[in-house]
Amino acid sequence: MENLRHTFLKAINSAGQHSAYAPLALSNDFNTLPGLLQKFFHRCGYTGQEKIECAHIK
């Protein structure tokens, strides 16, 4: 069973809006990163998506 927050976020995203919890990542947000990371984020389409606060990377 989906919890209320998940249902709420799913409804917002399906309406074409973004969540109120995370601002959007802009292209200039990546300018302080090394060049390879900038290319990675741009090519993977992270620009214009909600910012990620944490990640688990192996």
N, C-alpha and C. Protein backbone atom coordinates (compact mmCIF):
# COMPACT_ATOMS: atom_id res chain seq x y z
N MET A 1 0.84 -1.18 0.00
CA MET A 1 0.00 0.00 0.00
C MET A 1 0.89 1.25 0.00
N GLU A 2 0.59 2.18 -0.89
CA GLU A 2 1.38 3.40 -0.99
C GLU A 2 1.07 4.32 0.18
N ASN A 3 2.12 4.95 0.69
CA ASN A 3 1.86 5.90 1.75
C ASN A 3 1.35 7.21 1.16
N LEU A 4 0.84 8.08 2.00
CA LEU A 4 0.21 9.32 1.56
C LEU A 4 1.18 10.23 0.81
N ARG A 5 2.42 10.35 1.29
CA ARG A 5 3.40 11.23 0.63
C ARG A 5 3.68 10.74 -0.79
N HIS A 6 3.88 9.44 -0.95
CA HIS A 6 4.16 8.88 -2.27
C HIS A 6 2.98 9.14 -3.21
N THR A 7 1.77 8.95 -2.72
CA THR A 7 0.58 9.19 -3.53
C THR A 7 0.49 10.66 -3.93
N PHE A 8 0.79 11.55 -2.99
CA PHE A 8 0.75 12.99 -3.24
C PHE A 8 1.77 13.37 -4.31
N LEU A 9 3.01 12.91 -4.17
CA LEU A 9 4.06 13.24 -5.13
C LEU A 9 3.74 12.68 -6.52
N LYS A 10 3.18 11.49 -6.56
CA LYS A 10 2.81 10.88 -7.82
C LYS A 10 1.72 11.70 -8.52
N ALA A 11 0.77 12.20 -7.75
CA ALA A 11 -0.31 13.02 -8.31
C ALA A 11 0.23 14.34 -8.85
N ILE A 12 1.16 14.95 -8.13
CA ILE A 12 1.75 16.21 -8.57
C ILE A 12 2.52 15.99 -9.87
N ASN A 13 3.34 14.96 -9.91
CA ASN A 13 4.16 14.69 -11.10
C ASN A 13 3.29 14.33 -12.31
N SER A 14 2.21 13.63 -12.09
CA SER A 14 1.35 13.28 -13.22
C SER A 14 0.60 14.49 -13.74
N ALA A 15 0.47 15.54 -12.92
CA ALA A 15 -0.20 16.77 -13.34
C ALA A 15 0.77 17.70 -14.08
N GLY A 16 2.04 17.28 -14.23
CA GLY A 16 3.01 18.10 -14.93
C GLY A 16 3.66 19.14 -14.07
N GLN A 17 3.51 19.03 -12.77
CA GLN A 17 4.12 19.96 -11.84
C GLN A 17 5.24 19.24 -11.11
N HIS A 18 6.07 20.04 -10.42
CA HIS A 18 7.16 19.45 -9.66
C HIS A 18 6.83 19.51 -8.18
N SER A 19 7.45 18.65 -7.44
CA SER A 19 7.25 18.57 -6.01
C SER A 19 7.65 19.85 -5.32
N ALA A 20 6.98 20.18 -4.24
CA ALA A 20 7.32 21.36 -3.45
C ALA A 20 8.52 21.08 -2.55
N TYR A 21 8.98 19.84 -2.51
CA TYR A 21 10.04 19.46 -1.59
C TYR A 21 11.44 19.73 -2.12
N ALA A 22 11.63 19.71 -3.42
CA ALA A 22 12.97 19.85 -3.98
C ALA A 22 12.96 20.84 -5.14
N PRO A 23 13.87 21.82 -5.13
CA PRO A 23 13.95 22.75 -6.26
C PRO A 23 14.53 22.04 -7.49
N LEU A 24 14.37 22.65 -8.63
CA LEU A 24 14.88 22.07 -9.87
C LEU A 24 16.37 22.34 -10.02
N ALA A 25 17.08 21.41 -10.62
CA ALA A 25 18.50 21.57 -10.90
C ALA A 25 18.65 22.39 -12.18
N LEU A 26 19.39 23.46 -12.10
CA LEU A 26 19.64 24.31 -13.26
C LEU A 26 21.02 23.99 -13.82
N SER A 27 21.26 24.34 -15.07
CA SER A 27 22.54 24.01 -15.70
C SER A 27 23.71 24.66 -14.97
N ASN A 28 23.52 25.86 -14.41
CA ASN A 28 24.62 26.52 -13.71
C ASN A 28 24.88 25.92 -12.32
N ASP A 29 24.01 25.04 -11.84
CA ASP A 29 24.25 24.37 -10.55
C ASP A 29 25.42 23.40 -10.64
N PHE A 30 25.77 22.98 -11.84
CA PHE A 30 26.83 22.00 -12.03
C PHE A 30 28.18 22.64 -12.35
N ASN A 31 28.23 23.97 -12.45
CA ASN A 31 29.45 24.66 -12.87
C ASN A 31 30.63 24.47 -11.93
N THR A 32 30.40 24.19 -10.67
CA THR A 32 31.50 24.03 -9.71
C THR A 32 32.07 22.61 -9.72
N LEU A 33 31.44 21.71 -10.45
CA LEU A 33 31.89 20.32 -10.51
C LEU A 33 32.96 20.15 -11.59
N PRO A 34 33.77 19.10 -11.48
CA PRO A 34 34.74 18.80 -12.54
C PRO A 34 34.03 18.57 -13.89
N GLY A 35 34.72 18.83 -14.97
CA GLY A 35 34.15 18.75 -16.31
C GLY A 35 33.46 17.44 -16.64
N LEU A 36 34.07 16.32 -16.23
CA LEU A 36 33.47 15.02 -16.54
C LEU A 36 32.12 14.84 -15.84
N LEU A 37 32.03 15.32 -14.60
CA LEU A 37 30.74 15.22 -13.89
C LEU A 37 29.70 16.14 -14.52
N GLN A 38 30.13 17.33 -14.95
CA GLN A 38 29.20 18.24 -15.62
C GLN A 38 28.61 17.58 -16.86
N LYS A 39 29.48 16.95 -17.69
CA LYS A 39 29.02 16.26 -18.89
C LYS A 39 28.05 15.13 -18.55
N PHE A 40 28.40 14.37 -17.51
CA PHE A 40 27.56 13.25 -17.09
C PHE A 40 26.15 13.73 -16.73
N PHE A 41 26.08 14.76 -15.88
CA PHE A 41 24.77 15.25 -15.43
C PHE A 41 23.96 15.83 -16.59
N HIS A 42 24.62 16.53 -17.49
CA HIS A 42 23.91 17.11 -18.64
C HIS A 42 23.43 16.02 -19.59
N ARG A 43 24.28 15.04 -19.89
CA ARG A 43 23.92 13.97 -20.83
C ARG A 43 22.84 13.05 -20.28
N CYS A 44 22.82 12.88 -18.97
CA CYS A 44 21.82 12.01 -18.35
C CYS A 44 20.49 12.71 -18.11
N GLY A 45 20.44 13.99 -18.41
CA GLY A 45 19.17 14.70 -18.32
C GLY A 45 18.79 15.19 -16.94
N TYR A 46 19.78 15.44 -16.08
CA TYR A 46 19.46 15.91 -14.73
C TYR A 46 19.08 17.39 -14.69
N THR A 47 19.44 18.14 -15.72
CA THR A 47 19.07 19.56 -15.77
C THR A 47 17.56 19.66 -15.92
N GLY A 48 16.95 20.46 -15.07
CA GLY A 48 15.51 20.63 -15.09
C GLY A 48 14.76 19.62 -14.25
N GLN A 49 15.46 18.68 -13.65
CA GLN A 49 14.84 17.68 -12.76
C GLN A 49 14.99 18.13 -11.31
N GLU A 50 14.25 17.51 -10.43
CA GLU A 50 14.36 17.82 -9.02
C GLU A 50 15.75 17.49 -8.51
N LYS A 51 16.29 18.37 -7.66
CA LYS A 51 17.62 18.13 -7.09
C LYS A 51 17.59 16.92 -6.17
N ILE A 52 18.65 16.15 -6.20
CA ILE A 52 18.78 14.99 -5.34
C ILE A 52 19.61 15.42 -4.13
N GLU A 53 19.10 15.13 -2.94
CA GLU A 53 19.79 15.56 -1.72
C GLU A 53 20.88 14.59 -1.29
N CYS A 54 20.70 13.32 -1.58
CA CYS A 54 21.73 12.35 -1.21
C CYS A 54 21.63 11.17 -2.18
N ALA A 55 22.72 10.44 -2.29
CA ALA A 55 22.75 9.28 -3.17
C ALA A 55 23.72 8.25 -2.62
N HIS A 56 23.48 7.02 -2.94
CA HIS A 56 24.38 5.94 -2.57
C HIS A 56 25.07 5.49 -3.85
N ILE A 57 26.37 5.70 -3.92
CA ILE A 57 27.11 5.38 -5.14
C ILE A 57 28.14 4.31 -4.82
N LYS A 58 28.20 3.28 -5.63
CA LYS A 58 29.18 2.22 -5.46
C LYS A 58 30.25 2.37 -6.50
